[in-house]
PDB file of N, CA and C in Angstrom:
ATOM      1  N   MET A   1       0.605  -1.215   0.021  1.00  0.00           N
ATOM      2  CA  MET A   1      -0.013   0.033   0.011  1.00  0.00           C
ATOM      3  C   MET A   1       1.130   1.248   0.244  1.00  0.00           C
ATOM      4  N   ASP A   2       0.519   1.974  -1.016  1.00  0.00           N
ATOM      5  CA  ASP A   2       1.281   3.486  -1.040  1.00  0.00           C
ATOM      6  C   ASP A   2       1.239   4.235   0.330  1.00  0.00           C
ATOM      7  N   ALA A   3       1.999   5.258   0.640  1.00  0.00           N
ATOM      8  CA  ALA A   3       1.957   6.058   1.764  1.00  0.00           C
ATOM      9  C   ALA A   3       0.508   6.966   1.694  1.00  0.00           C
ATOM     10  N   TRP A   4       0.293   7.314   0.345  1.00  0.00           N
ATOM     11  CA  TRP A   4      -0.765   8.112   0.253  1.00  0.00           C
ATOM     12  C   TRP A   4      -2.118   7.412   0.614  1.00  0.00           C
ATOM     13  N   GLU A   5      -2.034   6.259   0.413  1.00  0.00           N
ATOM     14  CA  GLU A   5      -3.334   5.529   0.374  1.00  0.00           C
ATOM     15  C   GLU A   5      -3.647   5.458   1.908  1.00  0.00           C
ATOM     16  N   THR A   6      -2.570   5.021   2.616  1.00  0.00           N
ATOM     17  CA  THR A   6      -2.822   5.137   4.168  1.00  0.00           C
ATOM     18  C   THR A   6      -3.318   6.363   4.732  1.00  0.00           C
ATOM     19  N   VAL A   7      -2.652   7.416   4.335  1.00  0.00           N
ATOM     20  CA  VAL A   7      -3.347   8.828   4.877  1.00  0.00           C
ATOM     21  C   VAL A   7      -4.725   8.956   4.328  1.00  0.00           C
ATOM     22  N   ILE A   8      -5.150   8.625   3.148  1.00  0.00           N
ATOM     23  CA  ILE A   8      -6.419   8.614   2.692  1.00  0.00           C
ATOM     24  C   ILE A   8      -7.343   8.142   3.500  1.00  0.00           C
ATOM     25  N   GLN A   9      -6.826   6.587   3.964  1.00  0.00           N
ATOM     26  CA  GLN A   9      -7.851   5.714   4.880  1.00  0.00           C
ATOM     27  C   GLN A   9      -7.936   6.368   6.023  1.00  0.00           C
ATOM     28  N   GLU A  10      -6.816   7.202   6.545  1.00  0.00           N
ATOM     29  CA  GLU A  10      -6.946   7.811   7.832  1.00  0.00           C
ATOM     30  C   GLU A  10      -7.991   8.798   7.886  1.00  0.00           C
ATOM     31  N   MET A  11      -7.834   9.774   6.851  1.00  0.00           N
ATOM     32  CA  MET A  11      -8.735  10.866   6.723  1.00  0.00           C
ATOM     33  C   MET A  11     -10.171  10.284   6.361  1.00  0.00           C
ATOM     34  N   GLN A  12     -10.510   9.319   5.896  1.00  0.00           N
ATOM     35  CA  GLN A  12     -11.878   8.653   5.639  1.00  0.00           C
ATOM     36  C   GLN A  12     -12.266   8.198   7.304  1.00  0.00           C
ATOM     37  N   VAL A  13     -11.539   7.839   8.268  1.00  0.00           N
ATOM     38  CA  VAL A  13     -11.853   7.325   9.356  1.00  0.00           C
ATOM     39  C   VAL A  13     -12.304   8.681   9.990  1.00  0.00           C
ATOM     40  N   ILE A  14     -11.489   9.771   9.863  1.00  0.00           N
ATOM     41  CA  ILE A  14     -12.043  11.020  10.541  1.00  0.00           C
ATOM     42  C   ILE A  14     -13.006  11.659  10.078  1.00  0.00           C
ATOM     43  N   VAL A  15     -13.485  11.562   8.587  1.00  0.00           N
ATOM     44  CA  VAL A  15     -14.546  12.129   8.186  1.00  0.00           C
ATOM     45  C   VAL A  15     -15.834  11.250   8.601  1.00  0.00           C
ATOM     46  N   ARG A  16     -15.671   9.828   8.561  1.00  0.00           N
ATOM     47  CA  ARG A  16     -16.975   9.230   9.272  1.00  0.00           C
ATOM     48  C   ARG A  16     -17.039   9.750  10.870  1.00  0.00           C
ATOM     49  N   GLN A  17     -16.111   9.844  11.448  1.00  0.00           N
ATOM     50  CA  GLN A  17     -16.354  10.118  12.804  1.00  0.00           C
ATOM     51  C   GLN A  17     -16.851  11.517  13.003  1.00  0.00           C
ATOM     52  N   LEU A  18     -16.459  12.507  12.194  1.00  0.00           N
ATOM     53  CA  LEU A  18     -17.015  13.763  12.144  1.00  0.00           C
ATOM     54  C   LEU A  18     -18.670  13.770  11.932  1.00  0.00           C
ATOM     55  N   ALA A  19     -18.784  13.023  10.704  1.00  0.00           N
ATOM     56  CA  ALA A  19     -20.277  12.777  10.199  1.00  0.00           C
ATOM     57  C   ALA A  19     -21.203  12.291  11.245  1.00  0.00           C
ATOM     58  N   LYS A  20     -20.619  11.319  12.017  1.00  0.00           N
ATOM     59  CA  LYS A  20     -21.408  10.826  13.183  1.00  0.00           C
ATOM     60  C   LYS A  20     -21.482  11.756  14.208  1.00  0.00           C
ATOM     61  N   SER A  21     -20.357  12.458  14.636  1.00  0.00           N
ATOM     62  CA  SER A  21     -20.578  13.316  15.864  1.00  0.00           C
ATOM     63  C   SER A  21     -21.411  14.725  15.353  1.00  0.00           C
ATOM     64  N   TYR A  22     -21.491  15.004  14.256  1.00  0.00           N
ATOM     65  CA  TYR A  22     -22.509  16.165  13.740  1.00  0.00           C
ATOM     66  C   TYR A  22     -23.743  15.450  13.148  1.00  0.00           C
ATOM     67  N   ASN A  23     -24.049  14.528  13.289  1.00  0.00           N
ATOM     68  CA  ASN A  23     -25.250  13.799  12.634  1.00  0.00           C
ATOM     69  C   ASN A  23     -25.730  14.131  11.192  1.00  0.00           C
ATOM     70  N   THR A  24     -24.727  14.173  10.567  1.00  0.00           N
ATOM     71  CA  THR A  24     -24.635  14.605   9.148  1.00  0.00           C
ATOM     72  C   THR A  24     -24.608  13.199   8.329  1.00  0.00           C
ATOM     73  N   ILE A  25     -25.094  13.626   7.112  1.00  0.00           N
ATOM     74  CA  ILE A  25     -24.972  12.586   5.868  1.00  0.00           C
ATOM     75  C   ILE A  25     -23.668  12.287   5.575  1.00  0.00           C
ATOM     76  N   HIS A  26     -23.228  10.929   5.374  1.00  0.00           N
ATOM     77  CA  HIS A  26     -21.812  10.784   4.994  1.00  0.00           C
ATOM     78  C   HIS A  26     -22.003  10.038   3.831  1.00  0.00           C
ATOM     79  N   VAL A  27     -21.259  10.238   2.758  1.00  0.00           N
ATOM     80  CA  VAL A  27     -21.507   9.385   1.551  1.00  0.00           C
ATOM     81  C   VAL A  27     -19.940   9.113   1.313  1.00  0.00           C
ATOM     82  N   GLU A  28     -19.817   7.486   0.969  1.00  0.00           N
ATOM     83  CA  GLU A  28     -18.989   7.008   0.749  1.00  0.00           C
ATOM     84  C   GLU A  28     -18.725   6.798  -0.637  1.00  0.00           C
ATOM     85  N   PHE A  29     -17.449   7.497  -1.296  1.00  0.00           N
ATOM     86  CA  PHE A  29     -16.769   7.349  -2.376  1.00  0.00           C
ATOM     87  C   PHE A  29     -15.799   6.228  -2.990  1.00  0.00           C
ATOM     88  N   GLN A  30     -15.165   5.671  -1.994  1.00  0.00           N
ATOM     89  CA  GLN A  30     -13.918   5.090  -2.070  1.00  0.00           C
ATOM     90  C   GLN A  30     -14.883   3.618  -3.101  1.00  0.00           C
ATOM     91  N   GLU A  31     -15.421   3.145  -2.406  1.00  0.00           N
ATOM     92  CA  GLU A  31     -15.964   1.685  -3.196  1.00  0.00           C
ATOM     93  C   GLU A  31     -16.652   2.064  -4.591  1.00  0.00           C
ATOM     94  N   PRO A  32     -17.395   3.116  -4.927  1.00  0.00           N
ATOM     95  CA  PRO A  32     -17.951   3.256  -6.172  1.00  0.00           C
ATOM     96  C   PRO A  32     -16.788   3.456  -7.199  1.00  0.00           C
ATOM     97  N   LEU A  33     -15.695   4.361  -6.433  1.00  0.00           N
ATOM     98  CA  LEU A  33     -14.560   4.725  -7.572  1.00  0.00           C
ATOM     99  C   LEU A  33     -13.839   3.379  -7.825  1.00  0.00           C
ATOM    100  N   ASN A  34     -13.517   2.366  -6.961  1.00  0.00           N
ATOM    101  CA  ASN A  34     -13.086   1.316  -6.947  1.00  0.00           C
ATOM    102  C   ASN A  34     -13.680   0.484  -8.021  1.00  0.00           C
ATOM    103  N   LYS A  35     -14.712   0.490  -8.129  1.00  0.00           N
ATOM    104  CA  LYS A  35     -15.637  -0.226  -8.834  1.00  0.00           C
ATOM    105  C   LYS A  35     -15.626   0.270 -10.157  1.00  0.00           C
ATOM    106  N   ALA A  36     -15.526   1.504 -10.281  1.00  0.00           N
ATOM    107  CA  ALA A  36     -15.292   2.122 -11.702  1.00  0.00           C
ATOM    108  C   ALA A  36     -14.076   1.914 -12.166  1.00  0.00           C
ATOM    109  N   CYS A  37     -13.152   1.657 -11.328  1.00  0.00           N
ATOM    110  CA  CYS A  37     -11.901   1.365 -12.031  1.00  0.00           C
ATOM    111  C   CYS A  37     -11.653  -0.112 -12.762  1.00  0.00           C
ATOM    112  N   GLN A  38     -12.764  -0.987 -12.425  1.00  0.00           N
ATOM    113  CA  GLN A  38     -12.731  -2.116 -13.188  1.00  0.00           C
ATOM    114  C   GLN A  38     -13.397  -1.731 -14.713  1.00  0.00           C
ATOM    115  N   ASN A  39     -13.840  -0.561 -14.973  1.00  0.00           N
ATOM    116  CA  ASN A  39     -14.312  -0.354 -16.266  1.00  0.00           C
ATOM    117  C   ASN A  39     -13.541   0.724 -17.070  1.00  0.00           C
ATOM    118  N   ALA A  40     -12.374   1.301 -16.432  1.00  0.00           N
ATOM    119  CA  ALA A  40     -11.757   2.253 -16.972  1.00  0.00           C
ATOM    120  C   ALA A  40     -10.631   2.573 -15.858  1.00  0.00           C
ATOM    121  N   PRO A  41      -9.466   2.750 -16.466  1.00  0.00           N
ATOM    122  CA  PRO A  41      -8.263   2.910 -15.554  1.00  0.00           C
ATOM    123  C   PRO A  41      -8.421   4.140 -14.279  1.00  0.00           C
ATOM    124  N   ALA A  42      -7.865   3.778 -13.287  1.00  0.00           N
ATOM    125  CA  ALA A  42      -8.148   4.907 -12.432  1.00  0.00           C
ATOM    126  C   ALA A  42      -7.769   6.444 -12.830  1.00  0.00           C
ATOM    127  N   LYS A  43      -6.805   6.608 -13.705  1.00  0.00           N
ATOM    128  CA  LYS A  43      -6.505   7.854 -14.203  1.00  0.00           C
ATOM    129  C   LYS A  43      -7.734   8.596 -15.043  1.00  0.00           C
ATOM    130  N   TYR A  44      -8.468   7.592 -15.275  1.00  0.00           N
ATOM    131  CA  TYR A  44      -9.612   8.297 -16.207  1.00  0.00           C
ATOM    132  C   TYR A  44     -10.771   8.895 -14.838  1.00  0.00           C
ATOM    133  N   TRP A  45     -10.678   8.521 -13.835  1.00  0.00           N
ATOM    134  CA  TRP A  45     -11.608   8.870 -12.569  1.00  0.00           C
ATOM    135  C   TRP A  45     -11.123   9.909 -11.805  1.00  0.00           C
ATOM    136  N   VAL A  46      -9.556   9.612 -11.526  1.00  0.00           N
ATOM    137  CA  VAL A  46      -8.829  10.598 -10.458  1.00  0.00           C
ATOM    138  C   VAL A  46      -7.463  10.787 -11.096  1.00  0.00           C
ATOM    139  N   TRP A  47      -6.976  12.091 -11.250  1.00  0.00           N
ATOM    140  CA  TRP A  47      -5.670  12.091 -11.803  1.00  0.00           C
ATOM    141  C   TRP A  47      -4.460  11.769 -11.005  1.00  0.00           C
ATOM    142  N   ASP A  48      -4.659  12.211  -9.888  1.00  0.00           N
ATOM    143  CA  ASP A  48      -3.805  12.025  -8.845  1.00  0.00           C
ATOM    144  C   ASP A  48      -3.776  11.250  -7.591  1.00  0.00           C
ATOM    145  N   GLY A  49      -4.958  10.548  -7.468  1.00  0.00           N
ATOM    146  CA  GLY A  49      -5.176   9.670  -6.528  1.00  0.00           C
ATOM    147  C   GLY A  49      -6.284  10.197  -5.468  1.00  0.00           C
ATOM    148  N   VAL A  50      -6.522  11.462  -5.659  1.00  0.00           N
ATOM    149  CA  VAL A  50      -7.421  12.366  -4.827  1.00  0.00           C
ATOM    150  C   VAL A  50      -8.431  12.978  -5.627  1.00  0.00           C
ATOM    151  N   HIS A  51      -7.727  13.806  -6.454  1.00  0.00           N
ATOM    152  CA  HIS A  51      -8.681  14.921  -6.949  1.00  0.00           C
ATOM    153  C   HIS A  51      -9.307  14.283  -8.605  1.00  0.00           C
ATOM    154  N   PRO A  52     -10.442  14.269  -8.469  1.00  0.00           N
ATOM    155  CA  PRO A  52     -11.412  13.809  -9.649  1.00  0.00           C
ATOM    156  C   PRO A  52     -11.240  14.640 -11.124  1.00  0.00           C
ATOM    157  N   MET A  53     -11.119  13.603 -12.026  1.00  0.00           N
ATOM    158  CA  MET A  53     -11.207  14.177 -13.555  1.00  0.00           C
ATOM    159  C   MET A  53     -12.504  14.496 -13.924  1.00  0.00           C
ATOM    160  N   PRO A  54     -13.062  14.839 -14.686  1.00  0.00           N
ATOM    161  CA  PRO A  54     -14.273  15.276 -15.290  1.00  0.00           C
ATOM    162  C   PRO A  54     -15.384  14.021 -15.059  1.00  0.00           C
ATOM    163  N   ALA A  55     -14.847  12.818 -15.244  1.00  0.00           N
ATOM    164  CA  ALA A  55     -15.570  11.679 -15.470  1.00  0.00           C
ATOM    165  C   ALA A  55     -15.878  11.159 -13.688  1.00  0.00           C
ATOM    166  N   GLY A  56     -14.922  11.681 -13.101  1.00  0.00           N
ATOM    167  CA  GLY A  56     -14.841  11.297 -11.570  1.00  0.00           C
ATOM    168  C   GLY A  56     -15.844  12.160 -10.851  1.00  0.00           C
ATOM    169  N   HIS A  57     -15.768  13.339 -11.457  1.00  0.00           N
ATOM    170  CA  HIS A  57     -16.929  14.308 -10.644  1.00  0.00           C
ATOM    171  C   HIS A  57     -18.363  13.862 -10.802  1.00  0.00           C
ATOM    172  N   GLU A  58     -18.604  13.510 -12.373  1.00  0.00           N
ATOM    173  CA  GLU A  58     -20.038  13.019 -12.563  1.00  0.00           C
ATOM    174  C   GLU A  58     -20.232  11.829 -11.803  1.00  0.00           C
ATOM    175  N   LEU A  59     -19.221  11.127 -11.697  1.00  0.00           N
ATOM    176  CA  LEU A  59     -19.458   9.689 -10.654  1.00  0.00           C
ATOM    177  C   LEU A  59     -20.096  10.170  -9.213  1.00  0.00           C
ATOM    178  N   MET A  60     -18.923  10.922  -8.624  1.00  0.00           N
ATOM    179  CA  MET A  60     -19.169  11.250  -7.405  1.00  0.00           C
ATOM    180  C   MET A  60     -20.774  12.110  -7.494  1.00  0.00           C
ATOM    181  N   ALA A  61     -20.938  12.969  -8.035  1.00  0.00           N
ATOM    182  CA  ALA A  61     -22.262  13.698  -8.226  1.00  0.00           C
ATOM    183  C   ALA A  61     -23.514  12.313  -8.326  1.00  0.00           C
ATOM    184  N   ARG A  62     -23.426  11.750  -9.067  1.00  0.00           N
ATOM    185  CA  ARG A  62     -24.339  10.459  -9.186  1.00  0.00           C
ATOM    186  C   ARG A  62     -24.714   9.421  -7.892  1.00  0.00           C
ATOM    187  N   VAL A  63     -23.243   9.345  -7.432  1.00  0.00           N
ATOM    188  CA  VAL A  63     -23.402   8.636  -6.163  1.00  0.00           C
ATOM    189  C   VAL A  63     -23.978   9.534  -4.853  1.00  0.00           C
ATOM    190  N   TRP A  64     -23.404  10.914  -4.797  1.00  0.00           N
ATOM    191  CA  TRP A  64     -23.978  11.700  -3.830  1.00  0.00           C
ATOM    192  C   TRP A  64     -25.601  11.737  -3.852  1.00  0.00           C
ATOM    193  N   ILE A  65     -25.943  12.121  -5.247  1.00  0.00           N
ATOM    194  CA  ILE A  65     -27.530  12.414  -5.337  1.00  0.00           C
ATOM    195  C   ILE A  65     -28.302  10.916  -4.897  1.00  0.00           C
ATOM    196  N   ASN A  66     -27.814   9.863  -5.327  1.00  0.00           N
ATOM    197  CA  ASN A  66     -28.345   8.529  -5.094  1.00  0.00           C
ATOM    198  C   ASN A  66     -28.279   8.329  -3.349  1.00  0.00           C
ATOM    199  N   GLU A  67     -27.360   8.297  -2.690  1.00  0.00           N
ATOM    200  CA  GLU A  67     -27.212   8.344  -1.480  1.00  0.00           C
ATOM    201  C   GLU A  67     -28.144   9.224  -0.628  1.00  0.00           C
ATOM    202  N   VAL A  68     -28.009  10.328  -0.967  1.00  0.00           N
ATOM    203  CA  VAL A  68     -28.647  11.702  -0.282  1.00  0.00           C
ATOM    204  C   VAL A  68     -30.129  11.345  -0.283  1.00  0.00           C
ATOM    205  N   SER A  69     -30.395  11.278  -1.571  1.00  0.00           N
ATOM    206  CA  SER A  69     -31.905  11.125  -1.912  1.00  0.00           C
ATOM    207  C   SER A  69     -32.513   9.938  -1.021  1.00  0.00           C
ATOM    208  N   LYS A  70     -31.757   8.927  -0.516  1.00  0.00           N
ATOM    209  CA  LYS A  70     -32.257   8.099   0.490  1.00  0.00           C
ATOM    210  C   LYS A  70     -32.832   8.557   1.776  1.00  0.00           C
ATOM    211  N   LYS A  71     -32.123   9.555   2.120  1.00  0.00           N
ATOM    212  CA  LYS A  71     -32.204   9.998   3.462  1.00  0.00           C
ATOM    213  C   LYS A  71     -33.082  11.133   3.475  1.00  0.00           C
ATOM    214  N   LEU A  72     -33.044  12.119   2.594  1.00  0.00           N
ATOM    215  CA  LEU A  72     -33.871  13.521   2.288  1.00  0.00           C
ATOM    216  C   LEU A  72     -35.099  13.238   1.751  1.00  0.00           C
ATOM    217  N   ASP A  73     -36.179  13.285   2.083  1.00  0.00           N
ATOM    218  CA  ASP A  73     -37.546  13.193   1.487  1.00  0.00           C
ATOM    219  C   ASP A  73     -37.834  14.176   0.278  1.00  0.00           C
ATOM    220  N   PHE A  74     -37.363  15.477   0.508  1.00  0.00           N
ATOM    221  CA  PHE A  74     -37.889  16.401  -0.411  1.00  0.00           C
ATOM    222  C   PHE A  74     -36.867  16.391  -1.779  1.00  0.00           C
ATOM    223  N   ILE A  75     -35.705  15.534  -1.738  1.00  0.00           N
ATOM    224  CA  ILE A  75     -35.039  15.143  -2.940  1.00  0.00           C
ATOM    225  C   ILE A  75     -35.805  14.103  -3.621  1.00  0.00           C
ATOM    226  N   LYS A  76     -36.153  13.142  -2.894  1.00  0.00           N
ATOM    227  CA  LYS A  76     -37.206  11.955  -3.666  1.00  0.00           C
ATOM    228  C   LYS A  76     -38.144  12.236  -4.086  1.00  0.00           C
ATOM    229  N   ASN A  77     -39.158  13.467  -3.682  1.00  0.00           N
ATOM    230  CA  ASN A  77     -40.093  14.278  -4.343  1.00  0.00           C
ATOM    231  C   ASN A  77     -39.888  15.089  -5.587  1.00  0.00           C
ATOM    232  N   ALA A  78     -38.595  15.276  -5.658  1.00  0.00           N
ATOM    233  CA  ALA A  78     -38.319  16.353  -6.750  1.00  0.00           C
ATOM    234  C   ALA A  78     -38.256  15.573  -7.944  1.00  0.00           C
ATOM    235  N   ASN A  79     -37.899  14.441  -7.922  1.00  0.00           N
ATOM    236  CA  ASN A  79     -37.546  13.542  -9.085  1.00  0.00           C
ATOM    237  C   ASN A  79     -38.822  13.259  -9.918  1.00  0.00           C
TER     238      ASN A  79
END
């Protein structure tokens, strides 16, 4: 595992803890990005391991809308 992957995993734990502490919606992006890498190389989704390319932004937006709409009724009703 690369050093940056360890740092990202540590940050993911902190973000989960913050979301729980502040009772906010937390959207996981790592698994959808990992699955997307089965269809196209990682560089197509994320250019440096952290920052998304346009396709990565679109993927993350779709995941965000899907996950948040499960928790917020007004989004479900808007579709």
